[in-house]
Amino acid sequence: MNYELYADVWFLTNFTMDSTALWIAGKLMKQQIRAGRLLLGSFAGTAVSMLLFFVWDDYTWYQICVHFLVNPGMVFLCYRSRKKKEFLSQYAVTYLAFILLGGALEWLMQSTSGNVHFVWYLLGALLILAAAEKMLGYLKREKETVYDLLLITGEGNISVKGFYDTGNLLTDPLVGRPVHIIKKEILNEQVQQGKLPVRLIPYHSLGQESGLLEAVTLEGMYIMQENHPLYLKKPVFGMAEEKLFQNDRCDVILNGKSMES
């Protein structure tokens, strides 16, 4: 059986898929990609693959070359990673994106019996790209609400996870500082040993109309943001029972005014 191959359509289709796969991989790994590097890697990978296809008669060796030489080279040109583990991760994620995009376009071609212009393939790829961007943007916003925290106490440092809750606006009336909520068990030992003085502060936001919350003041706290850590001096923590925390993804509920300090 003979097939007609349109070189321009073949090149544009593969170039679009390569670019999209590299972009999706960068989003998944939260790595910024320069547009020039992405286009260079995609163009080089597509051009070399096309050249090998026309000059190499053995299709098996052509596939081996593309998968194990051309595609890794394309990933390297795009990300320029010099660490072996990081490069392998980039290649694996990009390869997964290739498979997903290839399957989607293959389904589109079969469902239309192949008699459809390249623009429809491109549209399909762009729709996949838009959906992936929307999903990844949502996941990124969800992840950005959880931070690594380093609590500084007189007895040493404690690493915990903190959930940034804009609804938590509790303020200590004694010192006028925002109050963060922490699992009681984390500081319980230092409290029992008398190394952290406890006081009571009123609250209205823990599932009942009013009450008193045990609170302590620590030496400091680092909020590990993506760009640089944010240091809060003398942060106040209200100690609550673990049942207040709906899941185990965090140990601290950060005050909504944390980032304003």
C-alpha atoms as a PDB file:
ATOM      1  CA  MET A   1       0.000   0.000   0.000  1.00  0.00           C
ATOM      2  CA  ASN A   2       1.337   3.398  -0.980  1.00  0.00           C
ATOM      3  CA  TYR A   3       0.894   6.619   0.970  1.00  0.00           C
ATOM      4  CA  GLU A   4       1.279  10.193  -0.157  1.00  0.00           C
ATOM      5  CA  LEU A   5       3.496  12.251   2.120  1.00  0.00           C
ATOM      6  CA  TYR A   6       3.200  16.022   2.097  1.00  0.00           C
ATOM      7  CA  ALA A   7       6.471  17.303   3.502  1.00  0.00           C
ATOM      8  CA  ASP A   8       5.127  20.698   4.564  1.00  0.00           C
ATOM      9  CA  VAL A   9       2.164  19.175   6.438  1.00  0.00           C
ATOM     10  CA  TRP A  10       4.436  16.549   8.024  1.00  0.00           C
ATOM     11  CA  PHE A  11       6.909  19.192   9.155  1.00  0.00           C
ATOM     12  CA  LEU A  12       4.294  21.604  10.539  1.00  0.00           C
ATOM     13  CA  THR A  13       2.405  18.842  12.355  1.00  0.00           C
ATOM     14  CA  ASN A  14       5.526  17.481  14.053  1.00  0.00           C
ATOM     15  CA  PHE A  15       6.890  20.937  14.796  1.00  0.00           C
ATOM     16  CA  THR A  16       3.598  21.863  16.486  1.00  0.00           C
ATOM     17  CA  MET A  17       3.539  18.630  18.487  1.00  0.00           C
ATOM     18  CA  ASP A  18       7.174  19.013  19.565  1.00  0.00           C
ATOM     19  CA  SER A  19       6.651  22.612  20.654  1.00  0.00           C
ATOM     20  CA  THR A  20       3.469  21.766  22.525  1.00  0.00           C
ATOM     21  CA  ALA A  21       5.025  18.768  24.278  1.00  0.00           C
ATOM     22  CA  LEU A  22       8.045  20.806  25.407  1.00  0.00           C
ATOM     23  CA  TRP A  23       5.767  23.584  26.658  1.00  0.00           C
ATOM     24  CA  ILE A  24       3.541  21.165  28.608  1.00  0.00           C
ATOM     25  CA  ALA A  25       6.593  19.463  30.129  1.00  0.00           C
ATOM     26  CA  GLY A  26       7.949  22.827  31.245  1.00  0.00           C
ATOM     27  CA  LYS A  27       4.620  23.671  32.870  1.00  0.00           C
ATOM     28  CA  LEU A  28       4.421  20.328  34.643  1.00  0.00           C
ATOM     29  CA  MET A  29       7.953  20.718  36.014  1.00  0.00           C
ATOM     30  CA  LYS A  30       7.436  24.427  36.741  1.00  0.00           C
ATOM     31  CA  GLN A  31      10.440  25.436  34.670  1.00  0.00           C
ATOM     32  CA  GLN A  32      10.497  28.641  32.711  1.00  0.00           C
ATOM     33  CA  ILE A  33      11.347  28.173  29.051  1.00  0.00           C
ATOM     34  CA  ARG A  34      12.574  30.889  26.762  1.00  0.00           C
ATOM     35  CA  ALA A  35      10.498  31.023  23.609  1.00  0.00           C
ATOM     36  CA  GLY A  36      13.648  31.093  21.486  1.00  0.00           C
ATOM     37  CA  ARG A  37      15.014  27.904  23.044  1.00  0.00           C
ATOM     38  CA  LEU A  38      11.669  26.134  22.725  1.00  0.00           C
ATOM     39  CA  LEU A  39      11.361  27.027  19.044  1.00  0.00           C
ATOM     40  CA  LEU A  40      15.014  26.179  18.380  1.00  0.00           C
ATOM     41  CA  GLY A  41      14.697  22.767  20.031  1.00  0.00           C
ATOM     42  CA  SER A  42      11.430  21.991  18.224  1.00  0.00           C
ATOM     43  CA  PHE A  43      12.730  23.141  14.839  1.00  0.00           C
ATOM     44  CA  ALA A  44      16.011  21.239  15.178  1.00  0.00           C
ATOM     45  CA  GLY A  45      14.281  18.059  16.348  1.00  0.00           C
ATOM     46  CA  THR A  46      11.688  18.153  13.571  1.00  0.00           C
ATOM     47  CA  ALA A  47      14.230  19.016  10.865  1.00  0.00           C
ATOM     48  CA  VAL A  48      16.667  16.252  11.822  1.00  0.00           C
ATOM     49  CA  SER A  49      13.854  13.699  12.139  1.00  0.00           C
ATOM     50  CA  MET A  50      12.580  14.639   8.684  1.00  0.00           C
ATOM     51  CA  LEU A  51      16.071  14.444   7.171  1.00  0.00           C
ATOM     52  CA  LEU A  52      16.668  10.980   8.659  1.00  0.00           C
ATOM     53  CA  PHE A  53      13.298   9.787   7.390  1.00  0.00           C
ATOM     54  CA  PHE A  54      14.187  10.639   3.784  1.00  0.00           C
ATOM     55  CA  VAL A  55      17.798   9.396   3.815  1.00  0.00           C
ATOM     56  CA  TRP A  56      17.434   6.242   5.943  1.00  0.00           C
ATOM     57  CA  ASP A  57      15.764   3.185   4.432  1.00  0.00           C
ATOM     58  CA  ASP A  58      15.712   1.147   7.634  1.00  0.00           C
ATOM     59  CA  TYR A  59      12.625   2.352   9.552  1.00  0.00           C
ATOM     60  CA  THR A  60      13.585   0.483  12.734  1.00  0.00           C
ATOM     61  CA  TRP A  61      16.927   2.275  13.012  1.00  0.00           C
ATOM     62  CA  TYR A  62      15.199   5.519  12.114  1.00  0.00           C
ATOM     63  CA  GLN A  63      12.839   5.095  15.099  1.00  0.00           C
ATOM     64  CA  ILE A  64      15.714   4.200  17.432  1.00  0.00           C
ATOM     65  CA  CYS A  65      17.659   7.268  16.316  1.00  0.00           C
ATOM     66  CA  VAL A  66      14.692   9.593  16.758  1.00  0.00           C
ATOM     67  CA  HIS A  67      13.694   8.283  20.188  1.00  0.00           C
ATOM     68  CA  PHE A  68      17.157   7.970  21.719  1.00  0.00           C
ATOM     69  CA  LEU A  69      19.188  10.677  19.963  1.00  0.00           C
ATOM     70  CA  VAL A  70      17.025  13.299  18.270  1.00  0.00           C
ATOM     71  CA  ASN A  71      14.375  13.709  20.978  1.00  0.00           C
ATOM     72  CA  PRO A  72      16.890  13.856  23.872  1.00  0.00           C
ATOM     73  CA  GLY A  73      18.885  16.420  21.873  1.00  0.00           C
ATOM     74  CA  MET A  74      15.748  18.477  21.365  1.00  0.00           C
ATOM     75  CA  VAL A  75      14.991  18.395  25.110  1.00  0.00           C
ATOM     76  CA  PHE A  76      18.561  19.462  25.903  1.00  0.00           C
ATOM     77  CA  LEU A  77      18.416  22.374  23.452  1.00  0.00           C
ATOM     78  CA  CYS A  78      15.209  23.559  25.085  1.00  0.00           C
ATOM     79  CA  TYR A  79      16.107  23.221  28.784  1.00  0.00           C
ATOM     80  CA  ARG A  80      19.943  23.241  28.698  1.00  0.00           C
ATOM     81  CA  SER A  81      20.079  21.097  31.849  1.00  0.00           C
ATOM     82  CA  ARG A  82      23.546  19.830  32.834  1.00  0.00           C
ATOM     83  CA  LYS A  83      22.347  17.600  35.683  1.00  0.00           C
ATOM     84  CA  LYS A  84      21.718  13.995  34.666  1.00  0.00           C
ATOM     85  CA  LYS A  85      18.754  13.397  36.988  1.00  0.00           C
ATOM     86  CA  GLU A  86      17.073  16.657  36.006  1.00  0.00           C
ATOM     87  CA  PHE A  87      17.604  15.974  32.292  1.00  0.00           C
ATOM     88  CA  LEU A  88      16.135  12.465  32.564  1.00  0.00           C
ATOM     89  CA  SER A  89      13.079  13.889  34.315  1.00  0.00           C
ATOM     90  CA  GLN A  90      12.648  16.497  31.588  1.00  0.00           C
ATOM     91  CA  TYR A  91      12.978  13.857  28.884  1.00  0.00           C
ATOM     92  CA  ALA A  92      10.514  11.490  30.591  1.00  0.00           C
ATOM     93  CA  VAL A  93       7.835  14.158  31.064  1.00  0.00           C
ATOM     94  CA  THR A  94       8.306  15.482  27.531  1.00  0.00           C
ATOM     95  CA  TYR A  95       8.077  11.949  26.128  1.00  0.00           C
ATOM     96  CA  LEU A  96       4.822  11.394  28.002  1.00  0.00           C
ATOM     97  CA  ALA A  97       3.465  14.601  26.484  1.00  0.00           C
ATOM     98  CA  PHE A  98       4.517  13.328  23.018  1.00  0.00           C
ATOM     99  CA  ILE A  99       2.549  10.123  23.550  1.00  0.00           C
ATOM    100  CA  LEU A 100      -0.594  11.915  24.740  1.00  0.00           C
ATOM    101  CA  LEU A 101      -0.537  14.446  21.894  1.00  0.00           C
ATOM    102  CA  GLY A 102       0.257  11.774  19.314  1.00  0.00           C
ATOM    103  CA  GLY A 103      -2.662   9.668  20.508  1.00  0.00           C
ATOM    104  CA  ALA A 104      -5.030  12.633  20.367  1.00  0.00           C
ATOM    105  CA  LEU A 105      -4.015  13.576  16.817  1.00  0.00           C
ATOM    106  CA  GLU A 106      -4.108   9.944  15.693  1.00  0.00           C
ATOM    107  CA  TRP A 107      -7.680   9.665  16.985  1.00  0.00           C
ATOM    108  CA  LEU A 108      -8.599  12.880  15.168  1.00  0.00           C
ATOM    109  CA  MET A 109      -7.170  11.612  11.904  1.00  0.00           C
ATOM    110  CA  GLN A 110      -8.934   8.254  12.162  1.00  0.00           C
ATOM    111  CA  SER A 111     -12.254   9.794  13.108  1.00  0.00           C
ATOM    112  CA  THR A 112     -12.118  12.011  10.012  1.00  0.00           C
ATOM    113  CA  SER A 113     -10.709   9.252   7.737  1.00  0.00           C
ATOM    114  CA  GLY A 114      -7.602  11.364   7.258  1.00  0.00           C
ATOM    115  CA  ASN A 115      -9.360  13.688   4.837  1.00  0.00           C
ATOM    116  CA  VAL A 116      -8.978  16.884   6.774  1.00  0.00           C
ATOM    117  CA  HIS A 117      -6.706  19.839   6.335  1.00  0.00           C
ATOM    118  CA  PHE A 118      -3.681  20.373   8.583  1.00  0.00           C
ATOM    119  CA  VAL A 119      -5.350  23.397  10.184  1.00  0.00           C
ATOM    120  CA  TRP A 120      -7.779  21.041  11.932  1.00  0.00           C
ATOM    121  CA  TYR A 121      -4.881  19.045  13.382  1.00  0.00           C
ATOM    122  CA  LEU A 122      -3.320  22.281  14.540  1.00  0.00           C
ATOM    123  CA  LEU A 123      -6.634  23.373  16.068  1.00  0.00           C
ATOM    124  CA  GLY A 124      -6.879  20.080  17.901  1.00  0.00           C
ATOM    125  CA  ALA A 125      -3.374  20.500  19.306  1.00  0.00           C
ATOM    126  CA  LEU A 126      -4.133  24.056  20.395  1.00  0.00           C
ATOM    127  CA  LEU A 127      -7.334  22.943  22.136  1.00  0.00           C
ATOM    128  CA  ILE A 128      -5.349  20.317  24.021  1.00  0.00           C
ATOM    129  CA  LEU A 129      -2.772  22.982  24.873  1.00  0.00           C
ATOM    130  CA  ALA A 130      -5.453  25.393  26.154  1.00  0.00           C
ATOM    131  CA  ALA A 131      -7.063  22.697  28.294  1.00  0.00           C
ATOM    132  CA  ALA A 132      -3.700  21.671  29.723  1.00  0.00           C
ATOM    133  CA  GLU A 133      -2.791  25.284  30.508  1.00  0.00           C
ATOM    134  CA  LYS A 134      -6.076  25.838  32.324  1.00  0.00           C
ATOM    135  CA  MET A 135      -5.685  22.663  34.358  1.00  0.00           C
ATOM    136  CA  LEU A 136      -2.047  23.362  35.203  1.00  0.00           C
ATOM    137  CA  GLY A 137      -2.903  26.944  36.174  1.00  0.00           C
ATOM    138  CA  TYR A 138      -5.542  25.644  38.584  1.00  0.00           C
ATOM    139  CA  LEU A 139      -3.163  23.092  40.088  1.00  0.00           C
ATOM    140  CA  LYS A 140      -0.473  25.758  40.459  1.00  0.00           C
ATOM    141  CA  ARG A 141      -2.849  28.097  42.319  1.00  0.00           C
ATOM    142  CA  GLU A 142      -3.815  25.235  44.614  1.00  0.00           C
ATOM    143  CA  LYS A 143      -0.185  24.388  45.333  1.00  0.00           C
ATOM    144  CA  GLU A 144       0.818  28.005  45.904  1.00  0.00           C
ATOM    145  CA  THR A 145      -1.465  28.185  48.967  1.00  0.00           C
ATOM    146  CA  VAL A 146       0.739  25.651  50.788  1.00  0.00           C
ATOM    147  CA  TYR A 147       4.209  26.744  51.925  1.00  0.00           C
ATOM    148  CA  ASP A 148       7.174  25.172  53.655  1.00  0.00           C
ATOM    149  CA  LEU A 149       7.661  26.881  57.015  1.00  0.00           C
ATOM    150  CA  LEU A 150      10.606  27.023  59.381  1.00  0.00           C
ATOM    151  CA  LEU A 151       9.614  27.849  62.955  1.00  0.00           C
ATOM    152  CA  ILE A 152      12.361  29.374  65.118  1.00  0.00           C
ATOM    153  CA  THR A 153      12.098  28.510  68.820  1.00  0.00           C
ATOM    154  CA  GLY A 154      14.472  28.736  71.776  1.00  0.00           C
ATOM    155  CA  GLU A 155      14.862  24.946  71.609  1.00  0.00           C
ATOM    156  CA  GLY A 156      15.645  24.718  67.909  1.00  0.00           C
ATOM    157  CA  ASN A 157      13.993  24.927  64.516  1.00  0.00           C
ATOM    158  CA  ILE A 158      10.873  23.052  63.407  1.00  0.00           C
ATOM    159  CA  SER A 159       9.972  22.387  59.762  1.00  0.00           C
ATOM    160  CA  VAL A 160       6.237  22.239  59.001  1.00  0.00           C
ATOM    161  CA  LYS A 161       3.758  22.852  56.184  1.00  0.00           C
ATOM    162  CA  GLY A 162       1.551  25.942  56.244  1.00  0.00           C
ATOM    163  CA  PHE A 163      -1.742  26.620  54.465  1.00  0.00           C
ATOM    164  CA  TYR A 164      -2.288  30.279  53.555  1.00  0.00           C
ATOM    165  CA  ASP A 165      -5.880  31.036  54.524  1.00  0.00           C
ATOM    166  CA  THR A 166      -7.177  34.476  53.548  1.00  0.00           C
ATOM    167  CA  GLY A 167     -10.191  33.826  55.776  1.00  0.00           C
ATOM    168  CA  ASN A 168      -8.067  33.622  58.916  1.00  0.00           C
ATOM    169  CA  LEU A 169      -7.793  37.227  60.120  1.00  0.00           C
ATOM    170  CA  LEU A 170      -7.518  36.558  63.839  1.00  0.00           C
ATOM    171  CA  THR A 171      -5.438  39.189  65.656  1.00  0.00           C
ATOM    172  CA  ASP A 172      -3.829  39.067  69.080  1.00  0.00           C
ATOM    173  CA  PRO A 173      -5.383  42.030  70.957  1.00  0.00           C
ATOM    174  CA  LEU A 174      -2.411  42.183  73.358  1.00  0.00           C
ATOM    175  CA  VAL A 175       0.353  42.789  70.794  1.00  0.00           C
ATOM    176  CA  GLY A 176      -1.712  43.540  67.672  1.00  0.00           C
ATOM    177  CA  ARG A 177      -0.058  40.779  65.594  1.00  0.00           C
ATOM    178  CA  PRO A 178      -1.770  38.282  63.255  1.00  0.00           C
ATOM    179  CA  VAL A 179      -2.454  34.898  64.849  1.00  0.00           C
ATOM    180  CA  HIS A 180      -1.527  31.727  62.971  1.00  0.00           C
ATOM    181  CA  ILE A 181      -3.127  28.414  63.966  1.00  0.00           C
ATOM    182  CA  ILE A 182      -0.868  25.424  64.645  1.00  0.00           C
ATOM    183  CA  LYS A 183      -1.481  21.809  65.619  1.00  0.00           C
ATOM    184  CA  LYS A 184      -1.190  21.704  69.383  1.00  0.00           C
ATOM    185  CA  GLU A 185       0.935  18.559  69.378  1.00  0.00           C
ATOM    186  CA  ILE A 186       3.795  20.304  67.545  1.00  0.00           C
ATOM    187  CA  LEU A 187       4.543  22.718  70.392  1.00  0.00           C
ATOM    188  CA  ASN A 188       2.991  20.707  73.218  1.00  0.00           C
ATOM    189  CA  GLU A 189       6.292  19.371  74.587  1.00  0.00           C
ATOM    190  CA  GLN A 190       7.877  22.819  74.892  1.00  0.00           C
ATOM    191  CA  VAL A 191       4.679  24.140  76.492  1.00  0.00           C
ATOM    192  CA  GLN A 192       4.585  21.345  79.074  1.00  0.00           C
ATOM    193  CA  GLN A 193       8.231  21.965  79.920  1.00  0.00           C
ATOM    194  CA  GLY A 194       7.431  25.626  80.565  1.00  0.00           C
ATOM    195  CA  LYS A 195       9.664  26.859  77.762  1.00  0.00           C
ATOM    196  CA  LEU A 196       6.813  28.560  75.913  1.00  0.00           C
ATOM    197  CA  PRO A 197       4.586  30.831  78.043  1.00  0.00           C
ATOM    198  CA  VAL A 198       0.913  30.360  77.203  1.00  0.00           C
ATOM    199  CA  ARG A 199      -1.768  33.049  77.254  1.00  0.00           C
ATOM    200  CA  LEU A 200      -5.408  33.101  76.197  1.00  0.00           C
ATOM    201  CA  ILE A 201      -6.798  35.184  73.364  1.00  0.00           C
ATOM    202  CA  PRO A 202     -10.468  35.496  72.300  1.00  0.00           C
ATOM    203  CA  TYR A 203     -11.592  34.137  68.952  1.00  0.00           C
ATOM    204  CA  HIS A 204     -14.740  33.795  66.863  1.00  0.00           C
ATOM    205  CA  SER A 205     -13.629  31.708  63.898  1.00  0.00           C
ATOM    206  CA  LEU A 206     -13.054  28.148  65.041  1.00  0.00           C
ATOM    207  CA  GLY A 207     -16.535  26.705  64.615  1.00  0.00           C
ATOM    208  CA  GLN A 208     -18.201  28.326  67.606  1.00  0.00           C
ATOM    209  CA  GLU A 209     -19.563  31.750  68.388  1.00  0.00           C
ATOM    210  CA  SER A 210     -16.820  32.770  70.832  1.00  0.00           C
ATOM    211  CA  GLY A 211     -14.122  31.263  73.004  1.00  0.00           C
ATOM    212  CA  LEU A 212     -10.578  31.463  74.291  1.00  0.00           C
ATOM    213  CA  LEU A 213      -7.598  30.065  72.428  1.00  0.00           C
ATOM    214  CA  GLU A 214      -4.238  29.106  73.936  1.00  0.00           C
ATOM    215  CA  ALA A 215      -1.516  31.089  72.198  1.00  0.00           C
ATOM    216  CA  VAL A 216       2.278  31.311  72.273  1.00  0.00           C
ATOM    217  CA  THR A 217       4.853  33.605  70.694  1.00  0.00           C
ATOM    218  CA  LEU A 218       7.859  32.108  68.890  1.00  0.00           C
ATOM    219  CA  GLU A 219      11.206  33.704  68.085  1.00  0.00           C
ATOM    220  CA  GLY A 220      10.500  33.853  64.370  1.00  0.00           C
ATOM    221  CA  MET A 221       9.157  32.076  61.290  1.00  0.00           C
ATOM    222  CA  TYR A 222      10.363  31.742  57.705  1.00  0.00           C
ATOM    223  CA  ILE A 223       7.762  31.331  54.959  1.00  0.00           C
ATOM    224  CA  MET A 224       9.595  29.678  52.065  1.00  0.00           C
ATOM    225  CA  GLN A 225       8.266  31.487  49.022  1.00  0.00           C
ATOM    226  CA  GLU A 226       9.382  30.627  45.494  1.00  0.00           C
ATOM    227  CA  ASN A 227      11.541  33.728  45.028  1.00  0.00           C
ATOM    228  CA  HIS A 228      12.860  34.340  48.548  1.00  0.00           C
ATOM    229  CA  PRO A 229      11.926  33.422  52.143  1.00  0.00           C
ATOM    230  CA  LEU A 230       9.685  35.803  54.070  1.00  0.00           C
ATOM    231  CA  TYR A 231      10.776  36.255  57.694  1.00  0.00           C
ATOM    232  CA  LEU A 232       8.222  37.118  60.395  1.00  0.00           C
ATOM    233  CA  LYS A 233       9.571  38.245  63.753  1.00  0.00           C
ATOM    234  CA  LYS A 234       7.812  37.140  66.958  1.00  0.00           C
ATOM    235  CA  PRO A 235       4.877  35.384  65.257  1.00  0.00           C
ATOM    236  CA  VAL A 236       1.896  34.467  67.416  1.00  0.00           C
ATOM    237  CA  PHE A 237       0.463  30.941  67.188  1.00  0.00           C
ATOM    238  CA  GLY A 238      -2.869  29.764  68.475  1.00  0.00           C
ATOM    239  CA  MET A 239      -2.762  26.077  69.391  1.00  0.00           C
ATOM    240  CA  ALA A 240      -5.711  24.028  68.168  1.00  0.00           C
ATOM    241  CA  GLU A 241      -6.643  20.372  68.241  1.00  0.00           C
ATOM    242  CA  GLU A 242      -5.774  18.312  65.169  1.00  0.00           C
ATOM    243  CA  LYS A 243      -9.456  17.846  64.232  1.00  0.00           C
ATOM    244  CA  LEU A 244      -9.491  21.477  63.063  1.00  0.00           C
ATOM    245  CA  PHE A 245      -7.119  20.471  60.252  1.00  0.00           C
ATOM    246  CA  GLN A 246      -9.213  18.623  57.683  1.00  0.00           C
ATOM    247  CA  ASN A 247      -6.285  16.715  56.187  1.00  0.00           C
ATOM    248  CA  ASP A 248      -2.593  16.098  56.727  1.00  0.00           C
ATOM    249  CA  ARG A 249      -1.297  18.406  53.993  1.00  0.00           C
ATOM    250  CA  CYS A 250      -0.537  21.168  56.515  1.00  0.00           C
ATOM    251  CA  ASP A 251       0.345  21.696  60.175  1.00  0.00           C
ATOM    252  CA  VAL A 252      -0.242  25.446  60.285  1.00  0.00           C
ATOM    253  CA  ILE A 253      -3.031  27.719  59.057  1.00  0.00           C
ATOM    254  CA  LEU A 254      -1.276  30.936  58.139  1.00  0.00           C
ATOM    255  CA  ASN A 255      -3.012  34.202  58.867  1.00  0.00           C
ATOM    256  CA  GLY A 256      -4.464  36.071  55.889  1.00  0.00           C
ATOM    257  CA  LYS A 257      -2.244  39.049  56.755  1.00  0.00           C
ATOM    258  CA  SER A 258       0.970  36.979  56.709  1.00  0.00           C
ATOM    259  CA  MET A 259       2.171  38.246  53.349  1.00  0.00           C
ATOM    260  CA  GLU A 260       1.572  41.854  54.359  1.00  0.00           C
ATOM    261  CA  SER A 261       4.104  41.708  57.196  1.00  0.00           C
END
